[in-house]
Amino acid sequence: MAEVPDEIADHVPPACTGCGSGLSASDSVGFVRRQVRDIPLVTVMVTEHRAHRCQCACGTVTSGVEEREDSH
């Protein structure tokens, strides 16, 4: 269990199951704890690479070359 959790959610019963009187956190005499680890949602990012073709005044058409990154 994490010594210092990122978030704490207290679940206090609203009323006594015996007599129905209201209860609050100040009435607590202890608690049972459990921790849940949530994995954040992974999203996909789409990048469009455009290799442009440029025409020089001399008439030559030259295409751009994508600089490739190392694969992950």
N, C-alpha and C. Protein backbone atom coordinates (compact mmCIF):
# COMPACT_ATOMS: atom_id res chain seq x y z
N MET A 1 0.84 -1.19 0.00
CA MET A 1 0.00 0.00 0.00
C MET A 1 0.88 1.25 0.00
N ALA A 2 0.43 2.26 -0.69
CA ALA A 2 1.17 3.51 -0.76
C ALA A 2 1.10 4.21 0.59
N GLU A 3 2.24 4.68 1.07
CA GLU A 3 2.30 5.38 2.34
C GLU A 3 1.51 6.69 2.27
N VAL A 4 1.65 7.39 1.15
CA VAL A 4 0.94 8.66 0.95
C VAL A 4 0.16 8.56 -0.36
N PRO A 5 -1.14 8.26 -0.30
CA PRO A 5 -1.93 8.15 -1.52
C PRO A 5 -2.13 9.52 -2.16
N ASP A 6 -2.40 9.54 -3.46
CA ASP A 6 -2.64 10.78 -4.18
C ASP A 6 -3.98 11.41 -3.78
N GLU A 7 -4.92 10.59 -3.41
CA GLU A 7 -6.25 11.07 -3.07
C GLU A 7 -6.84 10.17 -2.00
N ILE A 8 -7.64 10.74 -1.11
CA ILE A 8 -8.32 9.96 -0.08
C ILE A 8 -9.82 10.21 -0.22
N ALA A 9 -10.60 9.15 -0.27
CA ALA A 9 -12.06 9.26 -0.33
C ALA A 9 -12.62 8.62 0.93
N ASP A 10 -13.22 9.44 1.81
CA ASP A 10 -13.82 8.93 3.03
C ASP A 10 -15.28 8.57 2.76
N HIS A 11 -15.68 7.39 3.22
CA HIS A 11 -17.06 6.92 3.05
C HIS A 11 -17.66 6.76 4.44
N VAL A 12 -18.43 7.76 4.84
CA VAL A 12 -19.04 7.78 6.17
C VAL A 12 -20.52 7.41 6.03
N PRO A 13 -21.00 6.45 6.83
CA PRO A 13 -22.41 6.11 6.73
C PRO A 13 -23.27 7.32 7.14
N PRO A 14 -24.35 7.57 6.40
CA PRO A 14 -25.18 8.75 6.70
C PRO A 14 -26.03 8.60 7.97
N ALA A 15 -26.35 7.35 8.33
CA ALA A 15 -27.21 7.13 9.50
C ALA A 15 -26.90 5.79 10.16
N CYS A 16 -27.23 5.71 11.44
CA CYS A 16 -27.06 4.48 12.22
C CYS A 16 -28.05 3.43 11.73
N THR A 17 -27.57 2.20 11.55
CA THR A 17 -28.47 1.13 11.11
C THR A 17 -29.31 0.60 12.28
N GLY A 18 -28.96 1.02 13.51
CA GLY A 18 -29.74 0.58 14.67
C GLY A 18 -30.92 1.50 14.95
N CYS A 19 -30.65 2.79 15.18
CA CYS A 19 -31.71 3.72 15.58
C CYS A 19 -32.06 4.75 14.52
N GLY A 20 -31.22 4.86 13.47
CA GLY A 20 -31.50 5.81 12.39
C GLY A 20 -30.94 7.21 12.60
N SER A 21 -30.26 7.45 13.73
CA SER A 21 -29.68 8.78 13.98
C SER A 21 -28.61 9.09 12.94
N GLY A 22 -28.48 10.37 12.61
CA GLY A 22 -27.48 10.79 11.64
C GLY A 22 -26.07 10.61 12.15
N LEU A 23 -25.15 10.28 11.26
CA LEU A 23 -23.74 10.09 11.61
C LEU A 23 -22.88 11.01 10.74
N SER A 24 -21.69 11.35 11.25
CA SER A 24 -20.75 12.17 10.49
C SER A 24 -19.34 11.67 10.77
N ALA A 25 -18.35 12.24 10.09
CA ALA A 25 -16.96 11.82 10.26
C ALA A 25 -16.50 12.00 11.71
N SER A 26 -17.08 12.94 12.43
CA SER A 26 -16.68 13.14 13.83
C SER A 26 -17.13 11.98 14.73
N ASP A 27 -18.06 11.15 14.25
CA ASP A 27 -18.50 9.98 15.01
C ASP A 27 -17.64 8.75 14.74
N SER A 28 -16.68 8.85 13.84
CA SER A 28 -15.86 7.70 13.44
C SER A 28 -15.04 7.16 14.60
N VAL A 29 -15.02 5.85 14.71
CA VAL A 29 -14.20 5.18 15.72
C VAL A 29 -13.14 4.30 15.06
N GLY A 30 -12.93 4.52 13.78
CA GLY A 30 -11.94 3.76 13.02
C GLY A 30 -12.43 3.54 11.61
N PHE A 31 -11.59 2.92 10.82
CA PHE A 31 -11.96 2.67 9.43
C PHE A 31 -11.17 1.50 8.88
N VAL A 32 -11.68 0.93 7.83
CA VAL A 32 -10.99 -0.10 7.07
C VAL A 32 -10.55 0.59 5.79
N ARG A 33 -9.32 0.37 5.38
CA ARG A 33 -8.86 1.03 4.16
C ARG A 33 -8.47 0.04 3.10
N ARG A 34 -8.63 0.46 1.86
CA ARG A 34 -8.15 -0.28 0.69
C ARG A 34 -7.72 0.75 -0.33
N GLN A 35 -6.84 0.38 -1.18
CA GLN A 35 -6.34 1.30 -2.20
C GLN A 35 -6.59 0.72 -3.58
N VAL A 36 -6.93 1.59 -4.50
CA VAL A 36 -7.17 1.21 -5.88
C VAL A 36 -6.18 1.96 -6.75
N ARG A 37 -5.50 1.26 -7.61
CA ARG A 37 -4.57 1.88 -8.55
C ARG A 37 -5.26 1.97 -9.90
N ASP A 38 -5.43 3.19 -10.38
CA ASP A 38 -6.06 3.41 -11.68
C ASP A 38 -5.00 3.68 -12.72
N ILE A 39 -5.14 3.05 -13.86
CA ILE A 39 -4.23 3.27 -14.98
C ILE A 39 -4.88 4.31 -15.88
N PRO A 40 -4.20 5.44 -16.13
CA PRO A 40 -4.82 6.47 -16.96
C PRO A 40 -5.09 5.96 -18.38
N LEU A 41 -6.15 6.49 -18.96
CA LEU A 41 -6.54 6.13 -20.32
C LEU A 41 -5.44 6.55 -21.29
N VAL A 42 -5.07 5.64 -22.16
CA VAL A 42 -4.06 5.92 -23.18
C VAL A 42 -4.77 6.41 -24.43
N THR A 43 -4.30 7.51 -24.98
CA THR A 43 -4.91 8.02 -26.19
C THR A 43 -3.92 7.90 -27.34
N VAL A 44 -4.45 7.90 -28.54
CA VAL A 44 -3.63 7.78 -29.74
C VAL A 44 -3.48 9.16 -30.35
N MET A 45 -2.26 9.50 -30.73
CA MET A 45 -2.00 10.76 -31.40
C MET A 45 -1.62 10.44 -32.84
N VAL A 46 -2.32 11.05 -33.79
CA VAL A 46 -2.06 10.81 -35.21
C VAL A 46 -1.29 12.00 -35.77
N THR A 47 -0.16 11.72 -36.37
CA THR A 47 0.65 12.76 -37.02
C THR A 47 0.69 12.47 -38.51
N GLU A 48 0.28 13.44 -39.30
CA GLU A 48 0.36 13.31 -40.76
C GLU A 48 1.66 13.94 -41.22
N HIS A 49 2.45 13.16 -41.93
CA HIS A 49 3.72 13.64 -42.48
C HIS A 49 3.50 13.95 -43.95
N ARG A 50 3.84 15.15 -44.35
CA ARG A 50 3.65 15.55 -45.74
C ARG A 50 5.01 15.86 -46.38
N ALA A 51 5.37 15.07 -47.37
CA ALA A 51 6.61 15.30 -48.12
C ALA A 51 6.23 16.16 -49.33
N HIS A 52 6.57 17.42 -49.25
CA HIS A 52 6.21 18.35 -50.32
C HIS A 52 7.13 18.21 -51.52
N ARG A 53 6.56 18.42 -52.71
CA ARG A 53 7.32 18.45 -53.95
C ARG A 53 7.43 19.92 -54.34
N CYS A 54 8.63 20.39 -54.51
CA CYS A 54 8.85 21.80 -54.84
C CYS A 54 9.50 21.90 -56.22
N GLN A 55 9.02 22.86 -56.99
CA GLN A 55 9.58 23.05 -58.34
C GLN A 55 10.47 24.29 -58.34
N CYS A 56 11.68 24.09 -58.79
CA CYS A 56 12.68 25.16 -58.90
C CYS A 56 12.42 25.97 -60.17
N ALA A 57 12.98 27.15 -60.25
CA ALA A 57 12.86 27.99 -61.45
C ALA A 57 13.47 27.28 -62.66
N CYS A 58 14.41 26.34 -62.44
CA CYS A 58 15.03 25.62 -63.54
C CYS A 58 14.12 24.52 -64.07
N GLY A 59 13.00 24.25 -63.35
CA GLY A 59 12.07 23.23 -63.80
C GLY A 59 12.16 21.91 -63.04
N THR A 60 13.22 21.72 -62.27
CA THR A 60 13.40 20.48 -61.52
C THR A 60 12.43 20.43 -60.34
N VAL A 61 11.79 19.27 -60.16
CA VAL A 61 10.90 19.06 -59.01
C VAL A 61 11.64 18.19 -58.01
N THR A 62 11.76 18.67 -56.78
CA THR A 62 12.48 17.96 -55.72
C THR A 62 11.50 17.66 -54.59
N SER A 63 11.52 16.41 -54.13
CA SER A 63 10.63 15.99 -53.05
C SER A 63 11.32 16.07 -51.71
N GLY A 64 10.56 16.52 -50.70
CA GLY A 64 11.07 16.53 -49.34
C GLY A 64 11.17 15.11 -48.82
N VAL A 65 12.09 14.89 -47.91
CA VAL A 65 12.30 13.57 -47.32
C VAL A 65 11.97 13.65 -45.85
N GLU A 66 11.11 12.75 -45.40
CA GLU A 66 10.75 12.71 -43.98
C GLU A 66 11.95 12.28 -43.16
N GLU A 67 12.25 13.07 -42.14
CA GLU A 67 13.32 12.68 -41.21
C GLU A 67 12.71 11.70 -40.24
N ARG A 68 13.16 10.46 -40.29
CA ARG A 68 12.56 9.40 -39.50
C ARG A 68 13.16 9.37 -38.11
N GLU A 69 12.26 9.21 -37.12
CA GLU A 69 12.69 9.06 -35.74
C GLU A 69 12.90 7.58 -35.46
N ASP A 70 13.69 7.29 -34.43
CA ASP A 70 13.87 5.90 -34.04
C ASP A 70 12.54 5.32 -33.61
N SER A 71 12.29 4.06 -33.93
CA SER A 71 11.07 3.40 -33.52
C SER A 71 11.09 3.19 -32.01
N HIS A 72 9.90 3.28 -31.42
CA HIS A 72 9.80 3.12 -29.96
C HIS A 72 9.49 1.70 -29.62
